Amino acid sequence: MIAALLVALSLAVVQIAGMVHVRNTLIDAASTGARFAALHDRTAEDGLERTRALIASSISDRYARDIRYDYRSAEDGRVVRITVRAQYPVLGIFGGVGEMEVTGSAYEYP
């Protein structure tokens, strides 16, 4: 009885840790891609490719399937925002628990 409870608790901790790791990695990749896209000699497509490459090299290609960008107007310029949608991992291996959406944005000076 105690062993089953400990196994269940351990699996829950692994699940939560995997979810937080994937979420934080996607947020970092989206933010880095947005900052890259906001550079003077770069485009939003360059930011998407940078985000995709960071996700693929950090966790897995399957998390880099749905990446979008948009521009928001801001005072004295505009903001580029990169959005990544992916599924939460199950025990760090399988996908499909639910969907998360993370964004990263950067101010683009004119």
Protein backbone atom coordinates (compact mmCIF):
# COMPACT_ATOMS: atom_id res chain seq x y z
CA MET A 1 0.00 0.00 0.00
CA ILE A 2 2.75 2.45 0.96
CA ALA A 3 4.87 1.40 -2.03
CA ALA A 4 1.99 2.10 -4.44
CA LEU A 5 1.46 5.50 -2.88
CA LEU A 6 5.16 6.33 -3.21
CA VAL A 7 5.20 5.21 -6.84
CA ALA A 8 2.13 7.36 -7.60
CA LEU A 9 3.67 10.34 -5.84
CA SER A 10 6.95 9.88 -7.71
CA LEU A 11 5.17 9.71 -11.06
CA ALA A 12 3.21 12.86 -10.20
CA VAL A 13 6.43 14.71 -9.38
CA VAL A 14 8.02 13.54 -12.65
CA GLN A 15 4.91 14.63 -14.58
CA ILE A 16 4.84 18.10 -13.06
CA ALA A 17 8.59 18.57 -13.50
CA GLY A 18 8.34 17.57 -17.17
CA MET A 19 5.46 19.94 -17.78
CA VAL A 20 7.24 22.86 -16.14
CA HIS A 21 10.48 22.12 -18.00
CA VAL A 22 8.76 22.02 -21.41
CA ARG A 23 6.75 25.16 -20.66
CA ASN A 24 9.81 27.13 -19.53
CA THR A 25 11.83 25.97 -22.53
CA LEU A 26 9.08 27.04 -24.93
CA ILE A 27 8.77 30.45 -23.25
CA ASP A 28 12.52 30.98 -23.50
CA ALA A 29 12.61 29.93 -27.17
CA ALA A 30 9.66 32.19 -28.07
CA SER A 31 11.21 35.16 -26.26
CA THR A 32 14.59 34.62 -27.88
CA GLY A 33 12.98 34.27 -31.31
CA ALA A 34 11.02 37.49 -30.80
CA ARG A 35 14.14 39.39 -29.77
CA PHE A 36 15.94 37.99 -32.82
CA ALA A 37 13.05 39.03 -35.09
CA ALA A 38 13.10 42.56 -33.65
CA LEU A 39 16.69 43.16 -34.76
CA HIS A 40 17.11 45.77 -37.47
CA ASP A 41 18.39 43.40 -40.15
CA ARG A 42 16.02 40.48 -39.36
CA THR A 43 12.41 39.60 -40.16
CA ALA A 44 9.69 37.80 -38.26
CA GLU A 45 10.36 34.71 -40.38
CA ASP A 46 13.93 34.72 -39.08
CA GLY A 47 12.52 34.81 -35.55
CA LEU A 48 10.26 31.85 -36.31
CA GLU A 49 13.17 29.84 -37.63
CA ARG A 50 15.28 30.72 -34.58
CA THR A 51 12.44 29.67 -32.27
CA ARG A 52 11.95 26.41 -34.18
CA ALA A 53 15.68 25.63 -34.07
CA LEU A 54 15.92 26.35 -30.33
CA ILE A 55 12.95 24.11 -29.54
CA ALA A 56 14.22 21.30 -31.76
CA SER A 57 17.68 21.39 -30.20
CA SER A 58 16.42 21.73 -26.63
CA ILE A 59 13.53 19.30 -26.33
CA SER A 60 11.97 17.87 -29.50
CA ASP A 61 10.75 18.75 -33.01
CA ARG A 62 7.19 17.82 -32.09
CA TYR A 63 6.90 20.89 -29.86
CA ALA A 64 7.88 23.18 -32.77
CA ARG A 65 4.98 22.37 -35.09
CA ASP A 66 2.64 25.28 -34.37
CA ILE A 67 4.57 28.56 -34.22
CA ARG A 68 3.08 31.87 -35.31
CA TYR A 69 3.97 35.54 -35.20
CA ASP A 70 2.06 38.79 -35.27
CA TYR A 71 2.78 42.46 -34.90
CA ARG A 72 1.13 44.79 -32.40
CA SER A 73 1.32 48.54 -32.71
CA ALA A 74 3.06 50.32 -29.86
CA GLU A 75 4.15 53.82 -29.06
CA ASP A 76 7.02 54.82 -31.37
CA GLY A 77 7.21 51.43 -33.11
CA ARG A 78 5.69 48.00 -32.96
CA VAL A 79 5.97 44.79 -30.98
CA VAL A 80 6.66 41.44 -32.61
CA ARG A 81 5.07 38.55 -30.75
CA ILE A 82 5.86 34.87 -31.34
CA THR A 83 3.35 32.31 -30.12
CA VAL A 84 4.06 28.62 -29.66
CA ARG A 85 1.27 26.07 -29.15
CA ALA A 86 2.15 22.55 -28.04
CA GLN A 87 0.81 19.66 -26.03
CA TYR A 88 1.87 18.98 -22.47
CA PRO A 89 4.10 15.91 -22.19
CA VAL A 90 3.02 12.78 -20.34
CA LEU A 91 5.85 11.57 -18.08
CA GLY A 92 8.29 13.49 -20.27
CA ILE A 93 7.87 11.08 -23.17
CA PHE A 94 4.40 11.11 -24.69
CA GLY A 95 2.29 14.10 -25.70
CA GLY A 96 -1.40 14.61 -25.35
CA VAL A 97 -2.46 15.66 -21.84
CA GLY A 98 -3.61 19.11 -22.95
CA GLU A 99 -2.50 22.13 -24.90
CA MET A 100 -0.45 25.07 -23.77
CA GLU A 101 0.19 28.35 -25.51
CA VAL A 102 3.19 30.50 -24.68
CA THR A 103 4.30 33.81 -26.14
CA GLY A 104 7.41 35.89 -26.34
CA SER A 105 7.49 39.48 -27.49
CA ALA A 106 10.02 42.17 -28.25
CA TYR A 107 9.82 45.84 -29.09
CA GLU A 108 10.92 46.66 -32.61
CA TYR A 109 12.35 50.14 -32.99
CA PRO A 110 11.67 51.93 -36.29
